[in-house]
């Protein structure tokens, strides 16, 4: 069972999963609204888009288990206000995407980039409302970050236990009115937060890397 693994054992499991072909859109679409379940639209291929990179960063908690680092955006932000996200942001000119993920993580939550081991990328995805192509990476750090030290781009940072990522009961649905229509939005429920949208789609692929059996789950919307 994943909850019984210590940090080193989880690293081995995660590294092994990332060495296999990625679950890709099959996993991402399990936590996508119906309108987003369009392979060509979700793909970054041939898109004239702005580029961003994010980091799914695992760290050891006090009990020696792995946790995934997440951030809550401040309500005052003009974009993605109040949403849960991975550390990350827009690519700068001349910068490799993995460098973007590391720089943004250091700037947002003060985890030194040279302390992070980047294991592998996940599947990039296109976000139509903002015209961003987002490139996620998976990394690990050997020490627990200072959870109280954040930039003005982060209201709160918190951790989710790695084994909770693969629990089907953490997947729920809320309804929202968009463009005059009531739509069902899937989300992960962790630590009292709702994690939805692109972050939930990337997290769904990460969960399937850890436990490929999740691909057999029926989509919840």
N, C-alpha and C. Protein backbone atom coordinates (compact mmCIF):
# COMPACT_ATOMS: atom_id res chain seq x y z
N UNK A 1 0.84 -1.19 0.00
CA UNK A 1 0.00 0.00 0.00
C UNK A 1 0.88 1.25 0.00
N UNK A 2 0.46 2.24 -0.78
CA UNK A 2 1.27 3.44 -0.93
C UNK A 2 1.44 4.19 0.39
N UNK A 3 0.39 4.18 1.26
CA UNK A 3 0.49 4.92 2.51
C UNK A 3 1.55 4.36 3.46
N UNK A 4 2.00 3.13 3.20
CA UNK A 4 3.02 2.51 4.05
C UNK A 4 4.44 2.81 3.58
N UNK A 5 4.59 3.43 2.42
CA UNK A 5 5.92 3.68 1.86
C UNK A 5 6.58 4.88 2.54
N UNK A 6 7.86 4.75 2.85
CA UNK A 6 8.60 5.92 3.31
C UNK A 6 9.01 6.76 2.10
N UNK A 7 9.68 7.86 2.36
CA UNK A 7 9.98 8.79 1.28
C UNK A 7 10.85 8.16 0.20
N UNK A 8 11.86 7.41 0.59
CA UNK A 8 12.75 6.76 -0.38
C UNK A 8 12.01 5.71 -1.19
N UNK A 9 11.14 4.96 -0.53
CA UNK A 9 10.36 3.94 -1.24
C UNK A 9 9.39 4.57 -2.20
N UNK A 10 8.79 5.69 -1.79
CA UNK A 10 7.88 6.39 -2.71
C UNK A 10 8.65 6.95 -3.90
N UNK A 11 9.84 7.46 -3.68
CA UNK A 11 10.66 7.96 -4.77
C UNK A 11 10.89 6.86 -5.81
N UNK A 12 11.19 5.66 -5.34
CA UNK A 12 11.42 4.54 -6.25
C UNK A 12 10.16 4.21 -7.04
N UNK A 13 9.01 4.22 -6.37
CA UNK A 13 7.74 3.95 -7.05
C UNK A 13 7.45 5.01 -8.09
N UNK A 14 7.63 6.27 -7.73
CA UNK A 14 7.36 7.37 -8.65
C UNK A 14 8.31 7.35 -9.83
N UNK A 15 9.58 7.12 -9.57
CA UNK A 15 10.58 7.07 -10.64
C UNK A 15 10.27 5.95 -11.62
N UNK A 16 9.86 4.80 -11.08
CA UNK A 16 9.49 3.68 -11.94
C UNK A 16 8.29 4.03 -12.81
N UNK A 17 7.29 4.66 -12.22
CA UNK A 17 6.10 5.03 -12.98
C UNK A 17 6.40 6.03 -14.07
N UNK A 18 7.29 6.97 -13.78
CA UNK A 18 7.63 7.99 -14.78
C UNK A 18 8.51 7.44 -15.89
N UNK A 19 9.11 6.28 -15.68
CA UNK A 19 9.94 5.66 -16.72
C UNK A 19 9.09 4.94 -17.76
N UNK A 20 7.79 4.76 -17.47
CA UNK A 20 6.87 4.12 -18.39
C UNK A 20 6.20 5.18 -19.28
N UNK A 21 5.56 4.75 -20.38
CA UNK A 21 4.81 5.73 -21.18
C UNK A 21 3.77 6.46 -20.32
N UNK A 22 3.69 7.77 -20.48
CA UNK A 22 2.80 8.56 -19.65
C UNK A 22 1.32 8.26 -19.95
N UNK A 23 0.46 8.32 -18.94
CA UNK A 23 -0.98 8.10 -19.16
C UNK A 23 -1.60 9.16 -20.06
N UNK A 24 -1.04 10.38 -20.05
CA UNK A 24 -1.47 11.43 -20.97
C UNK A 24 -2.90 11.87 -20.79
N UNK A 25 -3.54 12.18 -21.92
CA UNK A 25 -4.88 12.74 -21.89
C UNK A 25 -5.92 11.78 -21.31
N UNK A 26 -5.68 10.48 -21.42
CA UNK A 26 -6.63 9.52 -20.85
C UNK A 26 -6.80 9.77 -19.36
N UNK A 27 -5.70 10.10 -18.69
CA UNK A 27 -5.77 10.40 -17.26
C UNK A 27 -6.24 11.83 -17.02
N UNK A 28 -5.73 12.78 -17.80
CA UNK A 28 -6.13 14.17 -17.61
C UNK A 28 -7.64 14.35 -17.76
N UNK A 29 -8.23 13.68 -18.74
CA UNK A 29 -9.65 13.87 -19.02
C UNK A 29 -10.56 13.27 -17.95
N UNK A 30 -10.02 12.41 -17.09
CA UNK A 30 -10.83 11.89 -15.99
C UNK A 30 -11.26 13.00 -15.04
N UNK A 31 -10.49 14.09 -15.00
CA UNK A 31 -10.82 15.20 -14.10
C UNK A 31 -11.01 16.49 -14.87
N UNK A 32 -11.52 16.37 -16.07
CA UNK A 32 -11.79 17.54 -16.91
C UNK A 32 -13.29 17.70 -17.12
N UNK A 33 -13.79 18.95 -17.20
CA UNK A 33 -15.18 19.16 -17.58
C UNK A 33 -15.42 18.62 -18.98
N UNK A 34 -16.66 18.33 -19.30
CA UNK A 34 -16.99 17.75 -20.61
C UNK A 34 -16.46 18.62 -21.75
N UNK A 35 -16.56 19.93 -21.61
CA UNK A 35 -16.14 20.83 -22.68
C UNK A 35 -14.64 20.75 -22.95
N UNK A 36 -13.85 20.29 -21.97
CA UNK A 36 -12.41 20.21 -22.12
C UNK A 36 -11.93 18.86 -22.65
N UNK A 37 -12.84 17.92 -22.79
CA UNK A 37 -12.44 16.57 -23.20
C UNK A 37 -12.38 16.45 -24.72
N UNK A 38 -11.55 17.30 -25.31
CA UNK A 38 -11.35 17.31 -26.75
C UNK A 38 -9.85 17.20 -27.00
N UNK A 39 -9.38 16.05 -27.48
CA UNK A 39 -7.94 15.81 -27.61
C UNK A 39 -7.20 16.90 -28.37
N UNK A 40 -7.73 17.35 -29.50
CA UNK A 40 -7.02 18.36 -30.28
C UNK A 40 -6.97 19.70 -29.55
N UNK A 41 -8.05 20.04 -28.87
CA UNK A 41 -8.08 21.31 -28.16
C UNK A 41 -7.12 21.29 -26.97
N UNK A 42 -7.04 20.18 -26.27
CA UNK A 42 -6.19 20.09 -25.08
C UNK A 42 -4.72 19.95 -25.40
N UNK A 43 -4.40 19.54 -26.62
CA UNK A 43 -3.01 19.34 -26.99
C UNK A 43 -2.30 20.67 -27.24
N UNK A 44 -1.02 20.73 -26.91
CA UNK A 44 -0.23 21.94 -27.18
C UNK A 44 0.29 21.95 -28.61
N UNK A 45 0.11 20.87 -29.34
CA UNK A 45 0.65 20.77 -30.70
C UNK A 45 0.03 21.83 -31.61
N UNK A 46 0.89 22.56 -32.30
CA UNK A 46 0.51 23.56 -33.30
C UNK A 46 -0.25 24.75 -32.71
N UNK A 47 -0.16 24.94 -31.41
CA UNK A 47 -0.83 26.07 -30.79
C UNK A 47 0.10 27.29 -30.75
N UNK A 48 -0.45 28.45 -31.12
CA UNK A 48 0.28 29.70 -30.97
C UNK A 48 -0.08 30.25 -29.60
N UNK A 49 0.66 29.79 -28.61
CA UNK A 49 0.28 30.06 -27.22
C UNK A 49 1.43 30.65 -26.43
N UNK A 50 1.09 31.24 -25.31
CA UNK A 50 2.09 31.62 -24.33
C UNK A 50 2.48 30.34 -23.57
N UNK A 51 3.73 30.29 -23.11
CA UNK A 51 4.20 29.07 -22.47
C UNK A 51 4.46 29.29 -20.98
N UNK A 52 4.08 28.29 -20.19
CA UNK A 52 4.32 28.32 -18.76
C UNK A 52 4.74 26.93 -18.31
N UNK A 53 5.37 26.86 -17.15
CA UNK A 53 5.78 25.58 -16.59
C UNK A 53 5.46 25.57 -15.11
N UNK A 54 5.10 24.39 -14.62
CA UNK A 54 4.78 24.22 -13.20
C UNK A 54 5.54 23.01 -12.66
N UNK A 55 5.61 22.92 -11.34
CA UNK A 55 6.34 21.83 -10.71
C UNK A 55 5.47 21.13 -9.68
N UNK A 56 5.27 19.83 -9.87
CA UNK A 56 4.64 18.97 -8.87
C UNK A 56 5.77 18.46 -7.98
N UNK A 57 5.91 19.07 -6.81
CA UNK A 57 7.07 18.84 -5.96
C UNK A 57 6.69 18.02 -4.73
N UNK A 58 7.36 16.88 -4.56
CA UNK A 58 7.16 16.05 -3.39
C UNK A 58 8.26 16.33 -2.37
N UNK A 59 7.88 16.29 -1.10
CA UNK A 59 8.83 16.52 -0.02
C UNK A 59 8.50 15.58 1.14
N UNK A 60 9.44 15.32 2.03
CA UNK A 60 9.16 14.44 3.17
C UNK A 60 8.49 15.20 4.31
N UNK A 61 7.46 14.63 4.88
CA UNK A 61 6.84 15.24 6.05
C UNK A 61 7.51 14.73 7.32
N UNK A 62 7.04 15.17 8.46
CA UNK A 62 7.69 14.83 9.73
C UNK A 62 7.67 13.34 10.03
N UNK A 63 6.71 12.63 9.45
CA UNK A 63 6.62 11.19 9.69
C UNK A 63 7.36 10.37 8.64
N UNK A 64 8.13 11.05 7.80
CA UNK A 64 8.94 10.35 6.82
C UNK A 64 8.20 9.91 5.58
N UNK A 65 6.97 10.36 5.42
CA UNK A 65 6.18 10.02 4.24
C UNK A 65 6.26 11.16 3.22
N UNK A 66 5.85 10.87 2.00
CA UNK A 66 5.89 11.88 0.94
C UNK A 66 4.61 12.71 0.92
N UNK A 67 4.79 14.01 0.71
CA UNK A 67 3.67 14.92 0.49
C UNK A 67 3.91 15.72 -0.79
N UNK A 68 2.81 16.13 -1.42
CA UNK A 68 2.85 16.95 -2.62
C UNK A 68 2.57 18.40 -2.24
N UNK A 69 3.42 19.30 -2.69
CA UNK A 69 3.30 20.71 -2.36
C UNK A 69 2.30 21.41 -3.28
N UNK A 70 1.36 22.14 -2.68
CA UNK A 70 0.38 22.92 -3.44
C UNK A 70 0.31 24.32 -2.85
N UNK A 71 -0.15 25.27 -3.67
CA UNK A 71 -0.29 26.65 -3.22
C UNK A 71 -1.70 27.14 -3.48
N UNK A 72 -2.11 28.09 -2.66
CA UNK A 72 -3.39 28.77 -2.85
C UNK A 72 -3.10 30.20 -3.29
N UNK A 73 -3.67 30.59 -4.43
CA UNK A 73 -3.44 31.94 -4.94
C UNK A 73 -4.24 32.97 -4.15
N UNK A 74 -3.68 34.15 -3.92
CA UNK A 74 -4.41 35.19 -3.18
C UNK A 74 -5.69 35.62 -3.90
N UNK A 75 -6.68 36.03 -3.14
CA UNK A 75 -7.94 36.48 -3.71
C UNK A 75 -7.77 37.76 -4.51
N UNK A 76 -6.71 38.52 -4.23
CA UNK A 76 -6.52 39.80 -4.91
C UNK A 76 -5.87 39.67 -6.28
N UNK A 77 -5.43 38.48 -6.64
CA UNK A 77 -4.78 38.32 -7.94
C UNK A 77 -5.78 38.51 -9.07
N UNK A 78 -5.30 39.05 -10.20
CA UNK A 78 -6.20 39.30 -11.34
C UNK A 78 -6.54 38.01 -12.08
N UNK A 79 -5.66 37.00 -12.00
CA UNK A 79 -5.92 35.72 -12.67
C UNK A 79 -5.77 34.58 -11.68
N UNK A 80 -6.68 33.62 -11.77
CA UNK A 80 -6.66 32.40 -10.95
C UNK A 80 -6.75 32.73 -9.46
N UNK A 81 -7.43 33.83 -9.12
CA UNK A 81 -7.56 34.23 -7.72
C UNK A 81 -8.26 33.15 -6.92
N UNK A 82 -7.70 32.84 -5.75
CA UNK A 82 -8.33 31.89 -4.85
C UNK A 82 -8.26 30.44 -5.28
N UNK A 83 -7.52 30.14 -6.33
CA UNK A 83 -7.43 28.78 -6.82
C UNK A 83 -6.18 28.08 -6.29
N UNK A 84 -6.28 26.76 -6.18
CA UNK A 84 -5.13 25.95 -5.78
C UNK A 84 -4.34 25.60 -7.04
N UNK A 85 -3.01 25.67 -6.93
CA UNK A 85 -2.17 25.44 -8.10
C UNK A 85 -0.82 24.87 -7.66
N UNK A 86 -0.10 24.32 -8.63
CA UNK A 86 1.29 23.99 -8.44
C UNK A 86 2.11 25.28 -8.54
N UNK A 87 3.26 25.35 -7.88
CA UNK A 87 4.14 26.48 -8.13
C UNK A 87 4.52 26.53 -9.61
N UNK A 88 4.56 27.72 -10.17
CA UNK A 88 4.91 27.83 -11.58
C UNK A 88 4.49 29.15 -12.16
N UNK A 89 4.85 29.35 -13.43
CA UNK A 89 4.50 30.60 -14.07
C UNK A 89 5.02 30.66 -15.50
N UNK A 90 5.02 31.87 -16.03
CA UNK A 90 5.31 32.09 -17.45
C UNK A 90 6.80 31.94 -17.75
N UNK A 91 7.06 31.36 -18.88
CA UNK A 91 8.44 31.19 -19.35
C UNK A 91 9.03 32.53 -19.76
N UNK A 92 10.28 32.76 -19.38
CA UNK A 92 10.98 33.97 -19.79
C UNK A 92 11.80 33.70 -21.05
N UNK A 93 12.12 34.75 -21.78
CA UNK A 93 12.86 34.62 -23.05
C UNK A 93 14.20 33.93 -22.80
N UNK A 94 14.50 32.93 -23.64
CA UNK A 94 15.77 32.22 -23.56
C UNK A 94 15.84 31.17 -22.48
N UNK A 95 14.74 30.91 -21.80
CA UNK A 95 14.71 29.99 -20.68
C UNK A 95 14.16 28.64 -21.10
N UNK A 96 14.80 27.57 -20.67
CA UNK A 96 14.24 26.23 -20.86
C UNK A 96 13.03 26.08 -19.94
N UNK A 97 12.06 25.27 -20.36
CA UNK A 97 10.84 25.15 -19.58
C UNK A 97 11.08 24.58 -18.19
N UNK A 98 11.99 23.63 -18.08
CA UNK A 98 12.29 23.08 -16.75
C UNK A 98 12.92 24.16 -15.87
N UNK A 99 13.68 25.07 -16.47
CA UNK A 99 14.26 26.18 -15.72
C UNK A 99 13.15 27.12 -15.22
N UNK A 100 12.13 27.28 -16.04
CA UNK A 100 10.98 28.10 -15.64
C UNK A 100 10.33 27.52 -14.39
N UNK A 101 10.08 26.21 -14.41
CA UNK A 101 9.44 25.55 -13.27
C UNK A 101 10.27 25.72 -12.00
N UNK A 102 11.58 25.56 -12.11
CA UNK A 102 12.45 25.68 -10.95
C UNK A 102 12.54 27.12 -10.46
N UNK A 103 12.67 28.06 -11.38
CA UNK A 103 12.76 29.48 -10.99
C UNK A 103 11.49 29.93 -10.29
N UNK A 104 10.35 29.59 -10.88
CA UNK A 104 9.08 30.03 -10.31
C UNK A 104 8.85 29.40 -8.94
N UNK A 105 9.25 28.16 -8.79
CA UNK A 105 9.11 27.51 -7.48
C UNK A 105 9.95 28.22 -6.43
N UNK A 106 11.17 28.57 -6.81
CA UNK A 106 12.04 29.30 -5.88
C UNK A 106 11.47 30.67 -5.55
N UNK A 107 10.93 31.36 -6.55
CA UNK A 107 10.40 32.70 -6.33
C UNK A 107 9.10 32.69 -5.51
N UNK A 108 8.27 31.68 -5.71
CA UNK A 108 6.96 31.66 -5.07
C UNK A 108 6.99 31.09 -3.66
N UNK A 109 7.75 30.00 -3.46
CA UNK A 109 7.72 29.32 -2.16
C UNK A 109 9.11 29.16 -1.55
N UNK A 110 10.11 29.77 -2.18
CA UNK A 110 11.46 29.86 -1.61
C UNK A 110 12.14 28.50 -1.41
N UNK A 111 11.82 27.54 -2.27
CA UNK A 111 12.56 26.29 -2.28
C UNK A 111 13.71 26.47 -3.27
N UNK A 112 14.97 26.42 -2.82
CA UNK A 112 16.10 26.66 -3.72
C UNK A 112 16.10 25.69 -4.89
N UNK A 113 16.27 26.24 -6.08
CA UNK A 113 16.22 25.39 -7.27
C UNK A 113 17.31 24.32 -7.27
N UNK A 114 18.45 24.62 -6.67
CA UNK A 114 19.53 23.64 -6.67
C UNK A 114 19.32 22.52 -5.66
N UNK A 115 18.24 22.60 -4.87
CA UNK A 115 17.91 21.53 -3.93
C UNK A 115 16.89 20.56 -4.51
N UNK A 116 16.38 20.88 -5.69
CA UNK A 116 15.30 20.09 -6.29
C UNK A 116 15.83 19.11 -7.33
N UNK A 117 15.41 17.87 -7.22
CA UNK A 117 15.72 16.86 -8.23
C UNK A 117 14.51 16.74 -9.16
N UNK A 118 14.68 17.11 -10.41
CA UNK A 118 13.59 16.98 -11.38
C UNK A 118 13.63 15.57 -11.94
N UNK A 119 12.53 14.85 -11.78
CA UNK A 119 12.48 13.45 -12.21
C UNK A 119 12.09 13.30 -13.68
N UNK A 120 11.06 14.02 -14.10
CA UNK A 120 10.57 13.86 -15.47
C UNK A 120 9.44 14.86 -15.73
N UNK A 121 9.12 15.10 -16.99
CA UNK A 121 7.94 15.91 -17.31
C UNK A 121 6.68 15.05 -17.34
N UNK A 122 5.54 15.70 -17.16
CA UNK A 122 4.25 15.09 -17.44
C UNK A 122 3.77 15.62 -18.79
N UNK A 123 2.56 15.27 -19.16
CA UNK A 123 2.01 15.67 -20.46
C UNK A 123 1.58 17.14 -20.43
N UNK A 124 2.08 17.96 -21.34
CA UNK A 124 1.65 19.37 -21.38
C UNK A 124 0.20 19.48 -21.84
N UNK A 125 -0.43 20.58 -21.48
CA UNK A 125 -1.81 20.78 -21.93
C UNK A 125 -2.06 22.24 -22.24
N UNK A 126 -3.00 22.44 -23.14
CA UNK A 126 -3.38 23.79 -23.58
C UNK A 126 -4.59 24.24 -22.79
N UNK A 127 -4.55 25.52 -22.32
CA UNK A 127 -5.65 26.09 -21.56
C UNK A 127 -6.30 27.19 -22.39
N UNK A 128 -7.42 26.92 -23.03
CA UNK A 128 -8.03 27.88 -23.96
C UNK A 128 -8.35 29.25 -23.37
N UNK A 129 -8.93 29.36 -22.15
CA UNK A 129 -9.33 30.68 -21.68
C UNK A 129 -8.17 31.67 -21.57
N UNK A 130 -6.96 31.17 -21.27
CA UNK A 130 -5.82 32.06 -21.09
C UNK A 130 -4.80 31.95 -22.22
N UNK A 131 -5.03 31.04 -23.17
CA UNK A 131 -4.11 30.79 -24.28
C UNK A 131 -2.70 30.45 -23.79
N UNK A 132 -2.64 29.63 -22.75
CA UNK A 132 -1.36 29.16 -22.24
C UNK A 132 -1.18 27.68 -22.56
N UNK A 133 0.03 27.33 -22.95
CA UNK A 133 0.45 25.95 -22.99
C UNK A 133 1.25 25.70 -21.72
N UNK A 134 0.79 24.79 -20.90
CA UNK A 134 1.41 24.55 -19.59
C UNK A 134 2.17 23.23 -19.62
N UNK A 135 3.42 23.30 -19.17
CA UNK A 135 4.31 22.14 -19.17
C UNK A 135 4.61 21.75 -17.72
N UNK A 136 4.06 20.63 -17.25
CA UNK A 136 4.30 20.23 -15.86
C UNK A 136 5.52 19.32 -15.73
N UNK A 137 6.23 19.48 -14.63
CA UNK A 137 7.37 18.64 -14.30
C UNK A 137 7.16 18.06 -12.90
N UNK A 138 7.78 16.92 -12.65
CA UNK A 138 7.70 16.27 -11.34
C UNK A 138 9.07 16.33 -10.69
N UNK A 139 9.11 16.75 -9.43
CA UNK A 139 10.38 16.86 -8.73
C UNK A 139 10.29 16.40 -7.29
N UNK A 140 11.44 16.27 -6.65
CA UNK A 140 11.51 15.89 -5.25
C UNK A 140 12.57 16.73 -4.56
N UNK A 141 12.33 17.00 -3.28
CA UNK A 141 13.29 17.73 -2.47
C UNK A 141 13.45 16.96 -1.16
N UNK A 142 14.64 16.94 -0.61
CA UNK A 142 14.94 16.08 0.53
C UNK A 142 14.51 16.67 1.87
N UNK A 143 14.23 17.96 1.93
CA UNK A 143 13.83 18.59 3.18
C UNK A 143 12.46 19.25 3.05
N UNK A 144 11.72 19.22 4.12
CA UNK A 144 10.42 19.87 4.14
C UNK A 144 10.59 21.38 4.00
N UNK A 145 9.87 21.99 3.05
CA UNK A 145 9.96 23.45 2.91
C UNK A 145 9.42 24.17 4.13
N UNK A 146 9.83 25.41 4.28
CA UNK A 146 9.26 26.28 5.31
C UNK A 146 7.87 26.70 4.83
N UNK A 147 6.83 26.12 5.42
CA UNK A 147 5.47 26.33 4.93
C UNK A 147 4.93 27.71 5.26
N UNK A 148 5.67 28.50 6.01
CA UNK A 148 5.22 29.85 6.37
C UNK A 148 5.84 30.92 5.50
N UNK A 149 6.81 30.55 4.67
CA UNK A 149 7.54 31.54 3.88
C UNK A 149 7.04 31.50 2.44
N UNK A 150 6.28 32.51 2.05
CA UNK A 150 5.70 32.55 0.71
C UNK A 150 5.83 33.95 0.13
N UNK A 151 5.72 34.04 -1.19
CA UNK A 151 5.76 35.34 -1.86
C UNK A 151 4.37 35.95 -1.90
N UNK A 152 4.26 37.14 -2.50
CA UNK A 152 2.95 37.78 -2.59
C UNK A 152 2.06 37.12 -3.64
N UNK A 153 2.58 36.13 -4.37
CA UNK A 153 1.78 35.37 -5.33
C UNK A 153 1.12 34.17 -4.69
N UNK A 154 1.38 33.94 -3.42
CA UNK A 154 0.86 32.76 -2.72
C UNK A 154 0.23 33.20 -1.41
N UNK A 155 -1.02 32.78 -1.18
CA UNK A 155 -1.67 33.06 0.10
C UNK A 155 -1.29 32.03 1.15
N UNK A 156 -1.30 30.77 0.73
CA UNK A 156 -1.02 29.65 1.63
C UNK A 156 -0.32 28.57 0.82
N UNK A 157 0.59 27.83 1.45
CA UNK A 157 1.11 26.61 0.85
C UNK A 157 0.81 25.46 1.80
N UNK A 158 0.50 24.30 1.23
CA UNK A 158 0.14 23.15 2.05
C UNK A 158 0.53 21.87 1.33
N UNK A 159 0.51 20.77 2.06
CA UNK A 159 0.90 19.49 1.48
C UNK A 159 -0.25 18.49 1.49
N UNK A 160 -0.25 17.65 0.47
CA UNK A 160 -1.21 16.55 0.36
C UNK A 160 -0.43 15.25 0.43
N UNK A 161 -0.84 14.35 1.31
CA UNK A 161 -0.15 13.08 1.43
C UNK A 161 -0.22 12.30 0.11
N UNK A 162 0.91 11.75 -0.30
CA UNK A 162 1.00 11.13 -1.61
C UNK A 162 -0.04 10.04 -1.82
N UNK A 163 -0.31 9.27 -0.80
CA UNK A 163 -1.25 8.15 -0.99
C UNK A 163 -2.68 8.64 -1.20
N UNK A 164 -2.98 9.88 -0.75
CA UNK A 164 -4.34 10.40 -0.94
C UNK A 164 -4.62 10.74 -2.40
N UNK A 165 -3.56 10.96 -3.19
CA UNK A 165 -3.75 11.29 -4.60
C UNK A 165 -4.46 10.18 -5.36
N UNK A 166 -4.32 8.94 -4.89
CA UNK A 166 -4.87 7.82 -5.65
C UNK A 166 -6.20 7.32 -5.07
N UNK A 167 -6.76 8.03 -4.11
CA UNK A 167 -8.02 7.61 -3.50
C UNK A 167 -9.20 8.10 -4.33
N UNK A 168 -10.01 7.18 -4.89
CA UNK A 168 -11.16 7.62 -5.70
C UNK A 168 -12.13 8.52 -4.94
N UNK A 169 -12.24 8.32 -3.62
CA UNK A 169 -13.20 9.12 -2.85
C UNK A 169 -12.79 10.58 -2.74
N UNK A 170 -11.57 10.91 -3.13
CA UNK A 170 -11.13 12.31 -3.14
C UNK A 170 -11.58 13.05 -4.40
N UNK A 171 -12.26 12.35 -5.30
CA UNK A 171 -12.73 12.95 -6.55
C UNK A 171 -14.22 13.26 -6.43
N UNK A 172 -14.57 14.52 -6.59
CA UNK A 172 -15.96 14.94 -6.46
C UNK A 172 -16.34 15.86 -7.62
N UNK A 173 -17.57 16.35 -7.58
CA UNK A 173 -18.08 17.22 -8.66
C UNK A 173 -18.87 18.37 -8.03
N UNK A 174 -18.67 19.59 -8.57
CA UNK A 174 -19.56 20.69 -8.22
C UNK A 174 -20.16 21.25 -9.50
N UNK A 175 -21.24 21.99 -9.38
CA UNK A 175 -21.88 22.60 -10.54
C UNK A 175 -21.60 24.10 -10.55
N UNK A 176 -21.48 24.63 -11.76
CA UNK A 176 -21.17 26.05 -11.92
C UNK A 176 -21.86 26.55 -13.19
N UNK A 177 -22.38 27.78 -13.13
CA UNK A 177 -22.99 28.37 -14.32
C UNK A 177 -21.93 29.09 -15.12
N UNK A 178 -21.74 28.67 -16.37
CA UNK A 178 -20.79 29.28 -17.28
C UNK A 178 -21.49 29.57 -18.59
N UNK A 179 -21.41 30.82 -19.04
CA UNK A 179 -22.03 31.23 -20.31
C UNK A 179 -23.50 30.83 -20.36
N UNK A 180 -24.17 30.98 -19.21
CA UNK A 180 -25.60 30.71 -19.18
C UNK A 180 -25.97 29.24 -19.08
N UNK A 181 -24.99 28.36 -18.93
CA UNK A 181 -25.25 26.94 -18.82
C UNK A 181 -24.71 26.39 -17.50
N UNK A 182 -25.45 25.45 -16.93
CA UNK A 182 -25.00 24.78 -15.72
C UNK A 182 -24.08 23.63 -16.13
N UNK A 183 -22.86 23.66 -15.62
CA UNK A 183 -21.89 22.63 -16.00
C UNK A 183 -21.35 21.94 -14.76
N UNK A 184 -21.00 20.68 -14.94
CA UNK A 184 -20.41 19.90 -13.86
C UNK A 184 -18.89 19.99 -13.94
N UNK A 185 -18.28 20.32 -12.83
CA UNK A 185 -16.83 20.51 -12.77
C UNK A 185 -16.24 19.50 -11.79
N UNK A 186 -15.41 18.57 -12.26
CA UNK A 186 -14.78 17.62 -11.32
C UNK A 186 -13.67 18.31 -10.53
N UNK A 187 -13.48 17.86 -9.30
CA UNK A 187 -12.41 18.42 -8.49
C UNK A 187 -11.88 17.39 -7.50
N UNK A 188 -10.66 17.61 -7.05
CA UNK A 188 -10.09 16.86 -5.94
C UNK A 188 -10.39 17.61 -4.65
N UNK A 189 -10.75 16.89 -3.62
CA UNK A 189 -11.02 17.49 -2.31
C UNK A 189 -9.88 17.12 -1.36
N UNK A 190 -9.01 18.10 -1.09
CA UNK A 190 -7.87 17.89 -0.20
C UNK A 190 -7.76 19.04 0.79
N UNK A 191 -7.58 18.71 2.06
CA UNK A 191 -7.28 19.70 3.09
C UNK A 191 -8.29 20.85 3.11
N UNK A 192 -9.54 20.55 2.78
CA UNK A 192 -10.57 21.57 2.79
C UNK A 192 -10.62 22.43 1.54
N UNK A 193 -9.79 22.11 0.53
CA UNK A 193 -9.74 22.89 -0.71
C UNK A 193 -10.31 22.08 -1.88
N UNK A 194 -10.86 22.80 -2.84
CA UNK A 194 -11.30 22.20 -4.10
C UNK A 194 -10.24 22.49 -5.17
N UNK A 195 -9.72 21.43 -5.76
CA UNK A 195 -8.67 21.57 -6.77
C UNK A 195 -9.25 21.13 -8.11
N UNK A 196 -9.39 22.07 -9.03
CA UNK A 196 -10.07 21.78 -10.28
C UNK A 196 -9.32 22.41 -11.45
N UNK A 197 -9.90 22.30 -12.64
CA UNK A 197 -9.28 22.90 -13.82
C UNK A 197 -8.01 22.20 -14.23
N UNK A 198 -7.08 22.97 -14.78
CA UNK A 198 -5.84 22.41 -15.31
C UNK A 198 -5.03 21.71 -14.22
N UNK A 199 -5.04 22.26 -13.01
CA UNK A 199 -4.28 21.63 -11.92
C UNK A 199 -4.84 20.25 -11.62
N UNK A 200 -6.15 20.11 -11.59
CA UNK A 200 -6.75 18.80 -11.35
C UNK A 200 -6.43 17.82 -12.48
N UNK A 201 -6.40 18.32 -13.72
CA UNK A 201 -6.09 17.45 -14.85
C UNK A 201 -4.65 16.94 -14.76
N UNK A 202 -3.72 17.83 -14.41
CA UNK A 202 -2.33 17.41 -14.26
C UNK A 202 -2.17 16.47 -13.06
N UNK A 203 -2.89 16.76 -11.98
CA UNK A 203 -2.83 15.92 -10.80
C UNK A 203 -3.39 14.53 -11.09
N UNK A 204 -4.40 14.47 -11.95
CA UNK A 204 -4.99 13.19 -12.32
C UNK A 204 -3.97 12.32 -13.07
N UNK A 205 -3.19 12.95 -13.94
CA UNK A 205 -2.15 12.18 -14.63
C UNK A 205 -1.08 11.73 -13.65
N UNK A 206 -0.70 12.59 -12.73
CA UNK A 206 0.29 12.23 -11.73
C UNK A 206 -0.20 11.05 -10.90
N UNK A 207 -1.47 11.07 -10.51
CA UNK A 207 -2.04 9.96 -9.74
C UNK A 207 -1.99 8.66 -10.53
N UNK A 208 -2.25 8.73 -11.84
CA UNK A 208 -2.22 7.53 -12.67
C UNK A 208 -0.80 7.02 -12.87
N UNK A 209 0.19 7.91 -12.81
CA UNK A 209 1.59 7.47 -12.84
C UNK A 209 1.90 6.63 -11.60
N UNK A 210 1.40 7.10 -10.46
CA UNK A 210 1.62 6.40 -9.21
C UNK A 210 0.86 5.08 -9.16
N UNK A 211 -0.38 5.11 -9.65
CA UNK A 211 -1.23 3.91 -9.65
C UNK A 211 -1.95 3.81 -10.99
N UNK A 212 -1.38 3.07 -11.95
CA UNK A 212 -2.00 2.96 -13.28
C UNK A 212 -3.41 2.40 -13.26
N UNK A 213 -3.78 1.71 -12.19
CA UNK A 213 -5.13 1.16 -12.11
C UNK A 213 -6.21 2.22 -12.11
N UNK A 214 -5.85 3.47 -11.82
CA UNK A 214 -6.83 4.55 -11.83
C UNK A 214 -7.39 4.81 -13.22
N UNK A 215 -6.66 4.41 -14.24
CA UNK A 215 -7.15 4.61 -15.61
C UNK A 215 -8.41 3.79 -15.87
N UNK A 216 -8.66 2.80 -15.05
CA UNK A 216 -9.88 1.98 -15.21
C UNK A 216 -11.10 2.61 -14.57
N UNK A 217 -10.92 3.71 -13.83
CA UNK A 217 -12.06 4.38 -13.21
C UNK A 217 -12.93 5.03 -14.28
N UNK A 218 -14.22 5.00 -14.07
CA UNK A 218 -15.13 5.72 -14.96
C UNK A 218 -15.01 7.22 -14.67
N UNK A 219 -15.03 8.06 -15.72
CA UNK A 219 -15.03 9.51 -15.49
C UNK A 219 -16.22 9.90 -14.63
N UNK A 220 -16.03 10.89 -13.77
CA UNK A 220 -17.14 11.26 -12.87
C UNK A 220 -18.07 12.29 -13.50
N UNK A 221 -17.70 12.84 -14.67
CA UNK A 221 -18.62 13.69 -15.44
C UNK A 221 -18.52 13.26 -16.90
